[in-house]
């Protein structure tokens, strides 16, 4: 599972209060993943959009 890169979008999530939201972001950042803005996630997706990623049917054929 070393290829898993969990992330949380800071301005794309909500919580019951501001304090709980900040606590959740801190937990993720310190222990389990990265905390990013929506703009940063979009930028990262656009930067990798040119990669040759197989479509679902190609993945299914490769796995069977």
N, C-alpha and C. Protein backbone atom coordinates (compact mmCIF):
# COMPACT_ATOMS: atom_id res chain seq x y z
N UNK A 1 0.81 -1.19 0.00
CA UNK A 1 0.00 0.00 0.00
C UNK A 1 0.86 1.27 0.00
N UNK A 2 2.09 1.14 -0.34
CA UNK A 2 2.96 2.31 -0.32
C UNK A 2 2.66 3.28 -1.47
N UNK A 3 1.84 2.87 -2.42
CA UNK A 3 1.51 3.77 -3.53
C UNK A 3 0.24 4.57 -3.26
N UNK A 4 -0.33 4.46 -2.07
CA UNK A 4 -1.52 5.22 -1.71
C UNK A 4 -1.08 6.58 -1.18
N UNK A 5 -1.71 7.63 -1.67
CA UNK A 5 -1.37 8.99 -1.24
C UNK A 5 -2.64 9.73 -0.82
N UNK A 6 -3.12 9.49 0.40
CA UNK A 6 -4.36 10.15 0.83
C UNK A 6 -4.19 11.65 0.98
N UNK A 7 -5.27 12.37 0.70
CA UNK A 7 -5.25 13.82 0.85
C UNK A 7 -6.63 14.29 1.26
N UNK A 8 -6.68 15.49 1.81
CA UNK A 8 -7.93 16.11 2.23
C UNK A 8 -7.94 17.53 1.67
N UNK A 9 -9.05 17.90 1.08
CA UNK A 9 -9.16 19.23 0.49
C UNK A 9 -9.70 20.19 1.55
N UNK A 10 -8.85 21.11 1.98
CA UNK A 10 -9.16 21.99 3.11
C UNK A 10 -10.39 22.85 2.86
N UNK A 11 -10.55 23.36 1.65
CA UNK A 11 -11.70 24.21 1.35
C UNK A 11 -12.79 23.45 0.61
N UNK A 12 -12.73 22.13 0.67
CA UNK A 12 -13.74 21.29 0.03
C UNK A 12 -14.40 20.35 1.02
N UNK A 13 -14.16 20.57 2.30
CA UNK A 13 -14.75 19.74 3.34
C UNK A 13 -15.35 20.64 4.42
N UNK A 14 -16.21 20.06 5.22
CA UNK A 14 -16.84 20.82 6.29
C UNK A 14 -16.89 19.96 7.54
N UNK A 15 -17.17 20.59 8.65
CA UNK A 15 -17.29 19.88 9.92
C UNK A 15 -18.36 20.59 10.74
N UNK A 16 -18.60 20.11 11.95
CA UNK A 16 -19.65 20.67 12.80
C UNK A 16 -19.29 22.04 13.36
N UNK A 17 -17.99 22.31 13.47
CA UNK A 17 -17.55 23.62 13.95
C UNK A 17 -16.18 23.92 13.35
N UNK A 18 -15.76 25.18 13.44
CA UNK A 18 -14.45 25.56 12.93
C UNK A 18 -13.35 24.84 13.69
N UNK A 19 -13.49 24.74 15.01
CA UNK A 19 -12.48 24.05 15.82
C UNK A 19 -12.33 22.59 15.42
N UNK A 20 -13.45 21.91 15.18
CA UNK A 20 -13.38 20.50 14.76
C UNK A 20 -12.79 20.37 13.36
N UNK A 21 -13.09 21.32 12.50
CA UNK A 21 -12.52 21.32 11.15
C UNK A 21 -11.00 21.45 11.21
N UNK A 22 -10.53 22.40 12.00
CA UNK A 22 -9.09 22.61 12.15
C UNK A 22 -8.43 21.38 12.79
N UNK A 23 -9.10 20.77 13.77
CA UNK A 23 -8.57 19.56 14.41
C UNK A 23 -8.43 18.42 13.39
N UNK A 24 -9.45 18.24 12.56
CA UNK A 24 -9.41 17.18 11.55
C UNK A 24 -8.29 17.42 10.54
N UNK A 25 -8.14 18.66 10.10
CA UNK A 25 -7.07 18.99 9.16
C UNK A 25 -5.70 18.73 9.78
N UNK A 26 -5.55 19.10 11.04
CA UNK A 26 -4.29 18.86 11.74
C UNK A 26 -3.99 17.38 11.87
N UNK A 27 -5.02 16.59 12.16
CA UNK A 27 -4.83 15.14 12.29
C UNK A 27 -4.36 14.54 10.97
N UNK A 28 -5.04 14.89 9.90
CA UNK A 28 -4.66 14.37 8.59
C UNK A 28 -3.24 14.79 8.24
N UNK A 29 -2.93 16.06 8.42
CA UNK A 29 -1.61 16.57 8.06
C UNK A 29 -0.49 15.92 8.85
N UNK A 30 -0.72 15.63 10.11
CA UNK A 30 0.32 15.06 10.96
C UNK A 30 0.45 13.55 10.85
N UNK A 31 -0.64 12.86 10.50
CA UNK A 31 -0.62 11.40 10.64
C UNK A 31 -0.91 10.59 9.39
N UNK A 32 -1.79 11.05 8.54
CA UNK A 32 -2.25 10.13 7.50
C UNK A 32 -2.18 10.64 6.07
N UNK A 33 -1.96 11.92 5.85
CA UNK A 33 -1.97 12.38 4.47
C UNK A 33 -1.59 13.84 4.34
N UNK A 34 -1.97 14.39 3.22
CA UNK A 34 -1.67 15.79 2.92
C UNK A 34 -2.95 16.59 2.96
N UNK A 35 -2.83 17.85 3.32
CA UNK A 35 -3.95 18.78 3.29
C UNK A 35 -3.65 19.78 2.18
N UNK A 36 -4.56 19.87 1.22
CA UNK A 36 -4.36 20.72 0.04
C UNK A 36 -5.60 21.58 -0.20
N UNK A 37 -5.42 22.65 -0.94
CA UNK A 37 -6.54 23.48 -1.37
C UNK A 37 -7.13 22.90 -2.65
N UNK A 38 -8.34 23.32 -2.96
CA UNK A 38 -8.96 22.89 -4.21
C UNK A 38 -8.10 23.29 -5.40
N UNK A 39 -7.60 24.51 -5.39
CA UNK A 39 -6.75 24.99 -6.49
C UNK A 39 -5.51 24.12 -6.66
N UNK A 40 -4.89 23.72 -5.55
CA UNK A 40 -3.69 22.87 -5.63
C UNK A 40 -4.02 21.49 -6.19
N UNK A 41 -5.17 20.94 -5.81
CA UNK A 41 -5.58 19.63 -6.34
C UNK A 41 -5.86 19.72 -7.83
N UNK A 42 -6.57 20.75 -8.25
CA UNK A 42 -6.86 20.94 -9.68
C UNK A 42 -5.56 21.10 -10.46
N UNK A 43 -4.64 21.88 -9.93
CA UNK A 43 -3.35 22.08 -10.60
C UNK A 43 -2.60 20.76 -10.73
N UNK A 44 -2.61 19.94 -9.69
CA UNK A 44 -1.92 18.65 -9.73
C UNK A 44 -2.59 17.72 -10.74
N UNK A 45 -3.91 17.73 -10.79
CA UNK A 45 -4.62 16.89 -11.77
C UNK A 45 -4.32 17.34 -13.20
N UNK A 46 -4.32 18.63 -13.41
CA UNK A 46 -4.03 19.14 -14.75
C UNK A 46 -2.59 18.83 -15.16
N UNK A 47 -1.68 18.85 -14.21
CA UNK A 47 -0.28 18.56 -14.52
C UNK A 47 -0.07 17.11 -14.92
N UNK A 48 -0.94 16.23 -14.44
CA UNK A 48 -0.80 14.80 -14.77
C UNK A 48 -1.79 14.34 -15.82
N UNK A 49 -2.61 15.24 -16.34
CA UNK A 49 -3.65 14.87 -17.31
C UNK A 49 -3.06 14.34 -18.61
N UNK A 50 -1.85 14.71 -18.94
CA UNK A 50 -1.23 14.29 -20.19
C UNK A 50 -0.72 12.85 -20.13
N UNK A 51 -0.67 12.27 -18.95
CA UNK A 51 -0.17 10.89 -18.83
C UNK A 51 -1.09 9.92 -19.56
N UNK A 52 -0.53 8.85 -20.07
CA UNK A 52 -1.28 7.84 -20.78
C UNK A 52 -1.89 6.88 -19.76
N UNK A 53 -3.09 7.20 -19.29
CA UNK A 53 -3.77 6.38 -18.29
C UNK A 53 -4.78 5.50 -19.01
N UNK A 54 -4.71 4.18 -18.78
CA UNK A 54 -5.65 3.29 -19.45
C UNK A 54 -7.09 3.56 -19.01
N UNK A 55 -8.02 3.33 -19.92
CA UNK A 55 -9.44 3.46 -19.61
C UNK A 55 -9.90 2.21 -18.87
N UNK A 56 -11.09 2.27 -18.30
CA UNK A 56 -11.63 1.17 -17.51
C UNK A 56 -11.60 -0.17 -18.26
N UNK A 57 -11.97 -0.15 -19.54
CA UNK A 57 -12.01 -1.39 -20.31
C UNK A 57 -10.59 -1.95 -20.51
N UNK A 58 -9.61 -1.08 -20.66
CA UNK A 58 -8.23 -1.54 -20.79
C UNK A 58 -7.73 -2.12 -19.47
N UNK A 59 -8.12 -1.50 -18.36
CA UNK A 59 -7.74 -2.03 -17.05
C UNK A 59 -8.37 -3.39 -16.82
N UNK A 60 -9.64 -3.53 -17.16
CA UNK A 60 -10.33 -4.80 -16.97
C UNK A 60 -9.67 -5.91 -17.80
N UNK A 61 -9.30 -5.59 -19.04
CA UNK A 61 -8.65 -6.57 -19.89
C UNK A 61 -7.27 -6.95 -19.33
N UNK A 62 -6.56 -5.99 -18.81
CA UNK A 62 -5.23 -6.26 -18.27
C UNK A 62 -5.30 -7.10 -17.01
N UNK A 63 -6.36 -6.96 -16.24
CA UNK A 63 -6.50 -7.71 -14.99
C UNK A 63 -7.08 -9.10 -15.19
N UNK A 64 -7.69 -9.35 -16.33
CA UNK A 64 -8.31 -10.67 -16.53
C UNK A 64 -7.36 -11.65 -17.18
